[in-house]
Amino acid sequence: MVDRIRAQARTGNLRVTLHAQQEMTEEQVSLDDVLEAIAQGVVLEDYPQHRRGACCLIYGPTRAGRAVHVVCTSDRPTLIIITVYEPKLPKWLTPTQRRPSP
């Protein structure tokens, strides 16, 4: 799955949703940051039965060492970037560990 996603990102076979664009602007994450995170990242969570279609959560560092999470499709002909954010409290303890529910 991750190889397919990386190939789609590398060749530019992708679309960024309006929501993802808004989050990228708010979080000051560039498209290059997103592509770096995908290229270097790991799949943290897989959502094969998501109501909008199979997707996954990828964590990856940027060249500058910034942690970035990318939620994207995992089985479509075109990669769709659904949302992008920097993992931080209160939801995330570390870039790869969710905070336990109260």
C-alpha atoms as a PDB file:
ATOM      1  CA  MET A   1       0.000   0.000   0.000  1.00  0.00           C
ATOM      2  CA  VAL A   2       2.651   2.537   1.023  1.00  0.00           C
ATOM      3  CA  ASP A   3       4.692   1.822  -2.129  1.00  0.00           C
ATOM      4  CA  ARG A   4       1.672   2.648  -4.283  1.00  0.00           C
ATOM      5  CA  ILE A   5       1.028   5.853  -2.341  1.00  0.00           C
ATOM      6  CA  ARG A   6       4.689   6.884  -2.649  1.00  0.00           C
ATOM      7  CA  ALA A   7       4.664   6.205  -6.388  1.00  0.00           C
ATOM      8  CA  GLN A   8       1.524   8.298  -6.856  1.00  0.00           C
ATOM      9  CA  ALA A   9       3.048  11.149  -4.846  1.00  0.00           C
ATOM     10  CA  ARG A  10       6.396  10.927  -6.635  1.00  0.00           C
ATOM     11  CA  THR A  11       4.788  11.134 -10.091  1.00  0.00           C
ATOM     12  CA  GLY A  12       2.395  13.919  -9.095  1.00  0.00           C
ATOM     13  CA  ASN A  13      -0.661  11.710  -9.518  1.00  0.00           C
ATOM     14  CA  LEU A  14      -2.452  13.410  -6.650  1.00  0.00           C
ATOM     15  CA  ARG A  15      -5.148  15.821  -5.646  1.00  0.00           C
ATOM     16  CA  VAL A  16      -5.267  17.923  -2.490  1.00  0.00           C
ATOM     17  CA  THR A  17      -8.718  18.518  -1.017  1.00  0.00           C
ATOM     18  CA  LEU A  18      -9.833  22.002  -0.021  1.00  0.00           C
ATOM     19  CA  HIS A  19      -9.830  20.858   3.614  1.00  0.00           C
ATOM     20  CA  ALA A  20      -6.214  19.678   3.312  1.00  0.00           C
ATOM     21  CA  GLN A  21      -5.226  22.966   1.658  1.00  0.00           C
ATOM     22  CA  GLN A  22      -6.814  24.915   4.506  1.00  0.00           C
ATOM     23  CA  GLU A  23      -5.059  22.786   7.133  1.00  0.00           C
ATOM     24  CA  MET A  24      -1.741  23.126   5.315  1.00  0.00           C
ATOM     25  CA  THR A  25      -2.119  26.907   5.317  1.00  0.00           C
ATOM     26  CA  GLU A  26      -3.077  27.026   9.017  1.00  0.00           C
ATOM     27  CA  GLU A  27      -0.255  24.662  10.022  1.00  0.00           C
ATOM     28  CA  GLN A  28       2.247  26.235   7.592  1.00  0.00           C
ATOM     29  CA  VAL A  29       2.913  22.906   5.900  1.00  0.00           C
ATOM     30  CA  SER A  30       3.968  23.074   2.255  1.00  0.00           C
ATOM     31  CA  LEU A  31       3.192  20.535  -0.451  1.00  0.00           C
ATOM     32  CA  ASP A  32       6.913  19.694  -0.447  1.00  0.00           C
ATOM     33  CA  ASP A  33       6.593  18.905   3.288  1.00  0.00           C
ATOM     34  CA  VAL A  34       3.666  16.594   2.535  1.00  0.00           C
ATOM     35  CA  LEU A  35       5.569  14.819  -0.234  1.00  0.00           C
ATOM     36  CA  GLU A  36       8.613  14.405   2.030  1.00  0.00           C
ATOM     37  CA  ALA A  37       6.445  12.982   4.806  1.00  0.00           C
ATOM     38  CA  ILE A  38       4.937  10.457   2.389  1.00  0.00           C
ATOM     39  CA  ALA A  39       8.336   9.535   0.928  1.00  0.00           C
ATOM     40  CA  GLN A  40       9.931   8.970   4.352  1.00  0.00           C
ATOM     41  CA  GLY A  41       6.866   7.995   6.330  1.00  0.00           C
ATOM     42  CA  VAL A  42       5.192   4.971   7.797  1.00  0.00           C
ATOM     43  CA  VAL A  43       1.543   4.019   7.917  1.00  0.00           C
ATOM     44  CA  LEU A  44       0.342   4.492  11.499  1.00  0.00           C
ATOM     45  CA  GLU A  45      -3.289   3.606  10.953  1.00  0.00           C
ATOM     46  CA  ASP A  46      -5.173   1.939   8.124  1.00  0.00           C
ATOM     47  CA  TYR A  47      -8.868   2.619   7.559  1.00  0.00           C
ATOM     48  CA  PRO A  48      -9.928   0.107   4.849  1.00  0.00           C
ATOM     49  CA  GLN A  49     -13.637   0.449   5.653  1.00  0.00           C
ATOM     50  CA  HIS A  50     -13.814   4.240   5.959  1.00  0.00           C
ATOM     51  CA  ARG A  51     -17.155   5.650   4.822  1.00  0.00           C
ATOM     52  CA  ARG A  52     -15.441   7.744   2.126  1.00  0.00           C
ATOM     53  CA  GLY A  53     -13.273   4.881   0.896  1.00  0.00           C
ATOM     54  CA  ALA A  54     -10.095   3.182   2.016  1.00  0.00           C
ATOM     55  CA  CYS A  55      -7.548   5.578   3.466  1.00  0.00           C
ATOM     56  CA  CYS A  56      -4.660   5.658   5.902  1.00  0.00           C
ATOM     57  CA  LEU A  57      -2.728   7.895   8.272  1.00  0.00           C
ATOM     58  CA  ILE A  58       0.938   8.370   7.403  1.00  0.00           C
ATOM     59  CA  TYR A  59       3.502   9.870   9.752  1.00  0.00           C
ATOM     60  CA  GLY A  60       6.722  11.180   8.290  1.00  0.00           C
ATOM     61  CA  PRO A  61       9.402  13.737   9.019  1.00  0.00           C
ATOM     62  CA  THR A  62      10.203  16.612   6.698  1.00  0.00           C
ATOM     63  CA  ARG A  63      13.791  17.427   5.712  1.00  0.00           C
ATOM     64  CA  ALA A  64      13.733  20.052   8.439  1.00  0.00           C
ATOM     65  CA  GLY A  65      12.793  17.350  10.966  1.00  0.00           C
ATOM     66  CA  ARG A  66       9.211  18.472  11.458  1.00  0.00           C
ATOM     67  CA  ALA A  67       6.653  15.735  12.182  1.00  0.00           C
ATOM     68  CA  VAL A  68       3.740  15.684   9.748  1.00  0.00           C
ATOM     69  CA  HIS A  69       0.637  13.498   9.559  1.00  0.00           C
ATOM     70  CA  VAL A  70      -1.043  12.945   6.205  1.00  0.00           C
ATOM     71  CA  VAL A  71      -4.405  11.266   5.793  1.00  0.00           C
ATOM     72  CA  CYS A  72      -4.802  10.057   2.228  1.00  0.00           C
ATOM     73  CA  THR A  73      -6.593   7.509   0.091  1.00  0.00           C
ATOM     74  CA  SER A  74      -4.929   4.130  -0.213  1.00  0.00           C
ATOM     75  CA  ASP A  75      -6.604   2.366  -3.125  1.00  0.00           C
ATOM     76  CA  ARG A  76      -7.646   4.908  -5.757  1.00  0.00           C
ATOM     77  CA  PRO A  77      -6.049   5.551  -9.159  1.00  0.00           C
ATOM     78  CA  THR A  78      -5.271   9.104  -8.021  1.00  0.00           C
ATOM     79  CA  LEU A  79      -3.877   9.810  -4.552  1.00  0.00           C
ATOM     80  CA  ILE A  80      -6.175  12.150  -2.643  1.00  0.00           C
ATOM     81  CA  ILE A  81      -4.676  14.077   0.259  1.00  0.00           C
ATOM     82  CA  ILE A  82      -7.586  14.385   2.698  1.00  0.00           C
ATOM     83  CA  THR A  83      -5.966  16.287   5.541  1.00  0.00           C
ATOM     84  CA  VAL A  84      -2.544  17.285   6.837  1.00  0.00           C
ATOM     85  CA  TYR A  85      -1.498  18.357  10.313  1.00  0.00           C
ATOM     86  CA  GLU A  86       1.306  18.421  12.830  1.00  0.00           C
ATOM     87  CA  PRO A  87       0.660  15.835  15.578  1.00  0.00           C
ATOM     88  CA  LYS A  88       0.571  17.524  18.973  1.00  0.00           C
ATOM     89  CA  LEU A  89      -1.176  17.626  22.304  1.00  0.00           C
ATOM     90  CA  PRO A  90      -3.912  17.152  23.332  1.00  0.00           C
ATOM     91  CA  LYS A  91      -4.549  14.434  20.735  1.00  0.00           C
ATOM     92  CA  TRP A  92      -0.987  13.110  20.298  1.00  0.00           C
ATOM     93  CA  LEU A  93       1.660  12.454  22.975  1.00  0.00           C
ATOM     94  CA  THR A  94       4.340  11.866  20.327  1.00  0.00           C
ATOM     95  CA  PRO A  95       4.169  11.824  16.531  1.00  0.00           C
ATOM     96  CA  THR A  96       3.332   8.120  16.663  1.00  0.00           C
ATOM     97  CA  GLN A  97       1.432   7.739  19.956  1.00  0.00           C
ATOM     98  CA  ARG A  98      -2.130   8.896  20.526  1.00  0.00           C
ATOM     99  CA  ARG A  99      -3.098  10.226  23.918  1.00  0.00           C
ATOM    100  CA  PRO A 100      -5.310   7.693  25.745  1.00  0.00           C
ATOM    101  CA  SER A 101      -8.997   8.557  25.901  1.00  0.00           C
ATOM    102  CA  PRO A 102     -10.156   9.848  29.297  1.00  0.00           C
END
